[in-house]
């Protein structure tokens, strides 16, 4: 499931980079924008990973508590 989330994140972020490369011709402007998109990508993937791990651990704890007594 996390793989699909990362694929979606990459697709959106690559769309942003394509837009930047298409419409921002000045390198002094486009390079910082691309660096910002890269930072967004790393941040968003980390948030997705943390959410995945947290909800997985919570679900496992609930199942153990209710079904393994």
PDB file of N, CA and C in Angstrom:
ATOM      1  N   UNK A   1       0.819  -1.196   0.000  1.00  0.00           N
ATOM      2  CA  UNK A   1       0.000   0.000   0.000  1.00  0.00           C
ATOM      3  C   UNK A   1       0.861   1.257   0.000  1.00  0.00           C
ATOM      4  N   UNK A   2       1.938   1.220   0.777  1.00  0.00           N
ATOM      5  CA  UNK A   2       2.825   2.380   0.816  1.00  0.00           C
ATOM      6  C   UNK A   2       3.451   2.623  -0.555  1.00  0.00           C
ATOM      7  N   UNK A   3       3.672   1.564  -1.300  1.00  0.00           N
ATOM      8  CA  UNK A   3       4.221   1.701  -2.651  1.00  0.00           C
ATOM      9  C   UNK A   3       3.291   2.529  -3.524  1.00  0.00           C
ATOM     10  N   UNK A   4       1.988   2.270  -3.413  1.00  0.00           N
ATOM     11  CA  UNK A   4       1.018   3.018  -4.213  1.00  0.00           C
ATOM     12  C   UNK A   4       0.960   4.483  -3.788  1.00  0.00           C
ATOM     13  N   UNK A   5       1.080   4.736  -2.501  1.00  0.00           N
ATOM     14  CA  UNK A   5       1.108   6.123  -2.023  1.00  0.00           C
ATOM     15  C   UNK A   5       2.329   6.842  -2.586  1.00  0.00           C
ATOM     16  N   UNK A   6       3.480   6.179  -2.555  1.00  0.00           N
ATOM     17  CA  UNK A   6       4.693   6.789  -3.100  1.00  0.00           C
ATOM     18  C   UNK A   6       4.578   7.017  -4.603  1.00  0.00           C
ATOM     19  N   UNK A   7       3.929   6.102  -5.296  1.00  0.00           N
ATOM     20  CA  UNK A   7       3.725   6.282  -6.736  1.00  0.00           C
ATOM     21  C   UNK A   7       2.852   7.505  -7.001  1.00  0.00           C
ATOM     22  N   UNK A   8       1.812   7.690  -6.210  1.00  0.00           N
ATOM     23  CA  UNK A   8       0.930   8.845  -6.373  1.00  0.00           C
ATOM     24  C   UNK A   8       1.681  10.136  -6.055  1.00  0.00           C
ATOM     25  N   UNK A   9       2.459  10.121  -4.989  1.00  0.00           N
ATOM     26  CA  UNK A   9       3.251  11.300  -4.621  1.00  0.00           C
ATOM     27  C   UNK A   9       4.214  11.650  -5.752  1.00  0.00           C
ATOM     28  N   UNK A  10       4.919  10.639  -6.272  1.00  0.00           N
ATOM     29  CA  UNK A  10       5.856  10.874  -7.372  1.00  0.00           C
ATOM     30  C   UNK A  10       5.158  11.433  -8.610  1.00  0.00           C
ATOM     31  N   UNK A  11       3.986  10.915  -8.916  1.00  0.00           N
ATOM     32  CA  UNK A  11       3.250  11.387 -10.095  1.00  0.00           C
ATOM     33  C   UNK A  11       2.882  12.860  -9.950  1.00  0.00           C
ATOM     34  N   UNK A  12       2.396  13.232  -8.792  1.00  0.00           N
ATOM     35  CA  UNK A  12       2.016  14.632  -8.562  1.00  0.00           C
ATOM     36  C   UNK A  12       3.242  15.532  -8.600  1.00  0.00           C
ATOM     37  N   UNK A  13       4.298  15.108  -7.925  1.00  0.00           N
ATOM     38  CA  UNK A  13       5.498  15.940  -7.867  1.00  0.00           C
ATOM     39  C   UNK A  13       6.174  16.031  -9.235  1.00  0.00           C
ATOM     40  N   UNK A  14       6.168  14.962 -10.006  1.00  0.00           N
ATOM     41  CA  UNK A  14       6.727  15.016 -11.356  1.00  0.00           C
ATOM     42  C   UNK A  14       5.912  15.951 -12.250  1.00  0.00           C
ATOM     43  N   UNK A  15       4.611  15.998 -12.022  1.00  0.00           N
ATOM     44  CA  UNK A  15       3.766  16.948 -12.742  1.00  0.00           C
ATOM     45  C   UNK A  15       4.154  18.385 -12.430  1.00  0.00           C
ATOM     46  N   UNK A  16       4.470  18.647 -11.174  1.00  0.00           N
ATOM     47  CA  UNK A  16       4.919  19.989 -10.794  1.00  0.00           C
ATOM     48  C   UNK A  16       6.235  20.332 -11.483  1.00  0.00           C
ATOM     49  N   UNK A  17       7.159  19.370 -11.501  1.00  0.00           N
ATOM     50  CA  UNK A  17       8.454  19.619 -12.146  1.00  0.00           C
ATOM     51  C   UNK A  17       8.289  19.835 -13.649  1.00  0.00           C
ATOM     52  N   UNK A  18       7.397  19.084 -14.262  1.00  0.00           N
ATOM     53  CA  UNK A  18       7.140  19.267 -15.685  1.00  0.00           C
ATOM     54  C   UNK A  18       6.582  20.653 -15.942  1.00  0.00           C
ATOM     55  N   UNK A  19       5.670  21.093 -15.095  1.00  0.00           N
ATOM     56  CA  UNK A  19       5.107  22.438 -15.239  1.00  0.00           C
ATOM     57  C   UNK A  19       6.209  23.487 -15.118  1.00  0.00           C
ATOM     58  N   UNK A  20       7.069  23.321 -14.115  1.00  0.00           N
ATOM     59  CA  UNK A  20       8.173  24.275 -13.924  1.00  0.00           C
ATOM     60  C   UNK A  20       9.065  24.304 -15.158  1.00  0.00           C
ATOM     61  N   UNK A  21       9.451  23.132 -15.651  1.00  0.00           N
ATOM     62  CA  UNK A  21      10.337  23.063 -16.814  1.00  0.00           C
ATOM     63  C   UNK A  21       9.691  23.622 -18.076  1.00  0.00           C
ATOM     64  N   UNK A  22       8.374  23.535 -18.162  1.00  0.00           N
ATOM     65  CA  UNK A  22       7.656  24.029 -19.335  1.00  0.00           C
ATOM     66  C   UNK A  22       7.458  25.543 -19.303  1.00  0.00           C
ATOM     67  N   UNK A  23       7.112  26.082 -18.145  1.00  0.00           N
ATOM     68  CA  UNK A  23       6.690  27.474 -18.078  1.00  0.00           C
ATOM     69  C   UNK A  23       7.670  28.436 -17.406  1.00  0.00           C
ATOM     70  N   UNK A  24       8.701  27.918 -16.766  1.00  0.00           N
ATOM     71  CA  UNK A  24       9.680  28.794 -16.113  1.00  0.00           C
ATOM     72  C   UNK A  24      11.014  28.619 -16.825  1.00  0.00           C
ATOM     73  N   UNK A  25      11.316  29.542 -17.703  1.00  0.00           N
ATOM     74  CA  UNK A  25      12.518  29.428 -18.534  1.00  0.00           C
ATOM     75  C   UNK A  25      13.779  29.887 -17.809  1.00  0.00           C
ATOM     76  N   UNK A  26      13.649  30.799 -16.882  1.00  0.00           N
ATOM     77  CA  UNK A  26      14.804  31.359 -16.184  1.00  0.00           C
ATOM     78  C   UNK A  26      15.341  30.357 -15.152  1.00  0.00           C
ATOM     79  N   UNK A  27      16.575  29.901 -15.363  1.00  0.00           N
ATOM     80  CA  UNK A  27      17.178  28.893 -14.484  1.00  0.00           C
ATOM     81  C   UNK A  27      17.312  29.371 -13.047  1.00  0.00           C
ATOM     82  N   UNK A  28      17.573  30.660 -12.859  1.00  0.00           N
ATOM     83  CA  UNK A  28      17.729  31.173 -11.495  1.00  0.00           C
ATOM     84  C   UNK A  28      16.419  31.109 -10.711  1.00  0.00           C
ATOM     85  N   UNK A  29      15.314  30.974 -11.407  1.00  0.00           N
ATOM     86  CA  UNK A  29      14.010  30.819 -10.763  1.00  0.00           C
ATOM     87  C   UNK A  29      13.608  29.346 -10.722  1.00  0.00           C
ATOM     88  N   UNK A  30      13.831  28.610 -11.801  1.00  0.00           N
ATOM     89  CA  UNK A  30      13.370  27.224 -11.885  1.00  0.00           C
ATOM     90  C   UNK A  30      14.149  26.279 -10.961  1.00  0.00           C
ATOM     91  N   UNK A  31      15.440  26.509 -10.803  1.00  0.00           N
ATOM     92  CA  UNK A  31      16.225  25.606  -9.954  1.00  0.00           C
ATOM     93  C   UNK A  31      15.774  25.623  -8.491  1.00  0.00           C
ATOM     94  N   UNK A  32      15.560  26.791  -7.876  1.00  0.00           N
ATOM     95  CA  UNK A  32      15.038  26.788  -6.503  1.00  0.00           C
ATOM     96  C   UNK A  32      13.636  26.176  -6.405  1.00  0.00           C
ATOM     97  N   UNK A  33      12.821  26.391  -7.429  1.00  0.00           N
ATOM     98  CA  UNK A  33      11.486  25.790  -7.416  1.00  0.00           C
ATOM     99  C   UNK A  33      11.575  24.268  -7.467  1.00  0.00           C
ATOM    100  N   UNK A  34      12.465  23.745  -8.298  1.00  0.00           N
ATOM    101  CA  UNK A  34      12.644  22.295  -8.367  1.00  0.00           C
ATOM    102  C   UNK A  34      13.185  21.744  -7.054  1.00  0.00           C
ATOM    103  N   UNK A  35      14.096  22.466  -6.424  1.00  0.00           N
ATOM    104  CA  UNK A  35      14.616  22.040  -5.119  1.00  0.00           C
ATOM    105  C   UNK A  35      13.497  22.021  -4.079  1.00  0.00           C
ATOM    106  N   UNK A  36      12.598  23.002  -4.160  1.00  0.00           N
ATOM    107  CA  UNK A  36      11.456  23.036  -3.246  1.00  0.00           C
ATOM    108  C   UNK A  36      10.540  21.837  -3.474  1.00  0.00           C
ATOM    109  N   UNK A  37      10.286  21.498  -4.722  1.00  0.00           N
ATOM    110  CA  UNK A  37       9.448  20.339  -5.036  1.00  0.00           C
ATOM    111  C   UNK A  37      10.122  19.063  -4.520  1.00  0.00           C
ATOM    112  N   UNK A  38      11.431  18.953  -4.657  1.00  0.00           N
ATOM    113  CA  UNK A  38      12.145  17.790  -4.121  1.00  0.00           C
ATOM    114  C   UNK A  38      11.988  17.690  -2.604  1.00  0.00           C
ATOM    115  N   UNK A  39      12.064  18.831  -1.931  1.00  0.00           N
ATOM    116  CA  UNK A  39      11.873  18.851  -0.473  1.00  0.00           C
ATOM    117  C   UNK A  39      10.454  18.437  -0.106  1.00  0.00           C
ATOM    118  N   UNK A  40       9.482  18.931  -0.871  1.00  0.00           N
ATOM    119  CA  UNK A  40       8.086  18.532  -0.645  1.00  0.00           C
ATOM    120  C   UNK A  40       7.926  17.024  -0.798  1.00  0.00           C
ATOM    121  N   UNK A  41       8.580  16.478  -1.812  1.00  0.00           N
ATOM    122  CA  UNK A  41       8.473  15.046  -2.080  1.00  0.00           C
ATOM    123  C   UNK A  41       8.995  14.237  -0.905  1.00  0.00           C
ATOM    124  N   UNK A  42      10.180  14.580  -0.421  1.00  0.00           N
ATOM    125  CA  UNK A  42      10.766  13.861   0.707  1.00  0.00           C
ATOM    126  C   UNK A  42       9.888  13.979   1.948  1.00  0.00           C
ATOM    127  N   UNK A  43       9.391  15.178   2.215  1.00  0.00           N
ATOM    128  CA  UNK A  43       8.550  15.401   3.385  1.00  0.00           C
ATOM    129  C   UNK A  43       7.264  14.592   3.304  1.00  0.00           C
ATOM    130  N   UNK A  44       6.611  14.645   2.159  1.00  0.00           N
ATOM    131  CA  UNK A  44       5.335  13.959   1.993  1.00  0.00           C
ATOM    132  C   UNK A  44       5.502  12.445   2.080  1.00  0.00           C
ATOM    133  N   UNK A  45       6.566  11.924   1.507  1.00  0.00           N
ATOM    134  CA  UNK A  45       6.825  10.483   1.607  1.00  0.00           C
ATOM    135  C   UNK A  45       7.095  10.074   3.058  1.00  0.00           C
ATOM    136  N   UNK A  46       7.789  10.906   3.809  1.00  0.00           N
ATOM    137  CA  UNK A  46       8.040  10.595   5.218  1.00  0.00           C
ATOM    138  C   UNK A  46       6.754  10.624   6.025  1.00  0.00           C
ATOM    139  N   UNK A  47       5.884  11.583   5.742  1.00  0.00           N
ATOM    140  CA  UNK A  47       4.589  11.643   6.426  1.00  0.00           C
ATOM    141  C   UNK A  47       3.778  10.384   6.114  1.00  0.00           C
ATOM    142  N   UNK A  48       3.755   9.971   4.847  1.00  0.00           N
ATOM    143  CA  UNK A  48       3.016   8.765   4.461  1.00  0.00           C
ATOM    144  C   UNK A  48       3.588   7.526   5.155  1.00  0.00           C
ATOM    145  N   UNK A  49       4.909   7.428   5.224  1.00  0.00           N
ATOM    146  CA  UNK A  49       5.551   6.273   5.875  1.00  0.00           C
ATOM    147  C   UNK A  49       5.230   6.248   7.362  1.00  0.00           C
ATOM    148  N   UNK A  50       5.309   7.396   8.018  1.00  0.00           N
ATOM    149  CA  UNK A  50       5.005   7.479   9.444  1.00  0.00           C
ATOM    150  C   UNK A  50       3.550   7.113   9.707  1.00  0.00           C
ATOM    151  N   UNK A  51       2.647   7.627   8.872  1.00  0.00           N
ATOM    152  CA  UNK A  51       1.227   7.292   9.014  1.00  0.00           C
ATOM    153  C   UNK A  51       1.013   5.792   8.847  1.00  0.00           C
ATOM    154  N   UNK A  52       1.651   5.203   7.840  1.00  0.00           N
ATOM    155  CA  UNK A  52       1.510   3.778   7.566  1.00  0.00           C
ATOM    156  C   UNK A  52       1.996   2.948   8.758  1.00  0.00           C
ATOM    157  N   UNK A  53       3.148   3.291   9.289  1.00  0.00           N
ATOM    158  CA  UNK A  53       3.708   2.552  10.426  1.00  0.00           C
ATOM    159  C   UNK A  53       2.866   2.727  11.680  1.00  0.00           C
ATOM    160  N   UNK A  54       2.373   3.935  11.919  1.00  0.00           N
ATOM    161  CA  UNK A  54       1.576   4.212  13.111  1.00  0.00           C
ATOM    162  C   UNK A  54       0.234   3.484  13.057  1.00  0.00           C
ATOM    163  N   UNK A  55      -0.446   3.579  11.938  1.00  0.00           N
ATOM    164  CA  UNK A  55      -1.745   2.900  11.846  1.00  0.00           C
ATOM    165  C   UNK A  55      -1.578   1.380  11.839  1.00  0.00           C
ATOM    166  N   UNK A  56      -0.494   0.890  11.277  1.00  0.00           N
ATOM    167  CA  UNK A  56      -0.235  -0.549  11.307  1.00  0.00           C
ATOM    168  C   UNK A  56      -0.003  -1.042  12.720  1.00  0.00           C
ATOM    169  N   UNK A  57       0.797  -0.317  13.482  1.00  0.00           N
ATOM    170  CA  UNK A  57       1.063  -0.697  14.869  1.00  0.00           C
ATOM    171  C   UNK A  57      -0.210  -0.604  15.708  1.00  0.00           C
ATOM    172  N   UNK A  58      -1.015   0.425  15.469  1.00  0.00           N
ATOM    173  CA  UNK A  58      -2.258   0.580  16.207  1.00  0.00           C
ATOM    174  C   UNK A  58      -3.218  -0.576  15.886  1.00  0.00           C
ATOM    175  N   UNK A  59      -3.331  -0.914  14.627  1.00  0.00           N
ATOM    176  CA  UNK A  59      -4.220  -2.015  14.228  1.00  0.00           C
ATOM    177  C   UNK A  59      -3.764  -3.328  14.832  1.00  0.00           C
ATOM    178  N   UNK A  60      -2.465  -3.568  14.805  1.00  0.00           N
ATOM    179  CA  UNK A  60      -1.923  -4.800  15.388  1.00  0.00           C
ATOM    180  C   UNK A  60      -2.207  -4.866  16.882  1.00  0.00           C
ATOM    181  N   UNK A  61      -2.057  -3.749  17.563  1.00  0.00           N
ATOM    182  CA  UNK A  61      -2.319  -3.698  18.995  1.00  0.00           C
ATOM    183  C   UNK A  61      -3.791  -3.968  19.302  1.00  0.00           C
ATOM    184  N   UNK A  62      -4.680  -3.393  18.514  1.00  0.00           N
ATOM    185  CA  UNK A  62      -6.113  -3.613  18.715  1.00  0.00           C
ATOM    186  C   UNK A  62      -6.477  -5.072  18.493  1.00  0.00           C
ATOM    187  N   UNK A  63      -5.962  -5.660  17.430  1.00  0.00           N
ATOM    188  CA  UNK A  63      -6.260  -7.066  17.133  1.00  0.00           C
ATOM    189  C   UNK A  63      -5.747  -7.964  18.262  1.00  0.00           C
ATOM    190  N   UNK A  64      -4.534  -7.724  18.724  1.00  0.00           N
ATOM    191  CA  UNK A  64      -3.976  -8.536  19.821  1.00  0.00           C
ATOM    192  C   UNK A  64      -4.796  -8.387  21.081  1.00  0.00           C
ATOM    193  N   UNK A  65      -5.226  -7.161  21.364  1.00  0.00           N
ATOM    194  CA  UNK A  65      -5.986  -6.914  22.581  1.00  0.00           C
ATOM    195  C   UNK A  65      -7.358  -7.605  22.566  1.00  0.00           C
ATOM    196  N   UNK A  66      -8.051  -7.536  21.460  1.00  0.00           N
ATOM    197  CA  UNK A  66      -9.408  -8.048  21.421  1.00  0.00           C
ATOM    198  C   UNK A  66      -9.518  -9.523  21.039  1.00  0.00           C
ATOM    199  N   UNK A  67      -8.553 -10.049  20.313  1.00  0.00           N
ATOM    200  CA  UNK A  67      -8.689 -11.399  19.800  1.00  0.00           C
ATOM    201  C   UNK A  67      -7.704 -12.401  20.370  1.00  0.00           C
ATOM    202  N   UNK A  68      -6.776 -11.959  21.195  1.00  0.00           N
ATOM    203  CA  UNK A  68      -5.796 -12.902  21.739  1.00  0.00           C
ATOM    204  C   UNK A  68      -5.847 -12.970  23.245  1.00  0.00           C
ATOM    205  N   UNK A  69      -6.972 -12.675  23.813  1.00  0.00           N
ATOM    206  CA  UNK A  69      -7.098 -12.755  25.273  1.00  0.00           C
ATOM    207  C   UNK A  69      -7.437 -14.110  25.702  1.00  0.00           C
TER     208      UNK A  69
END
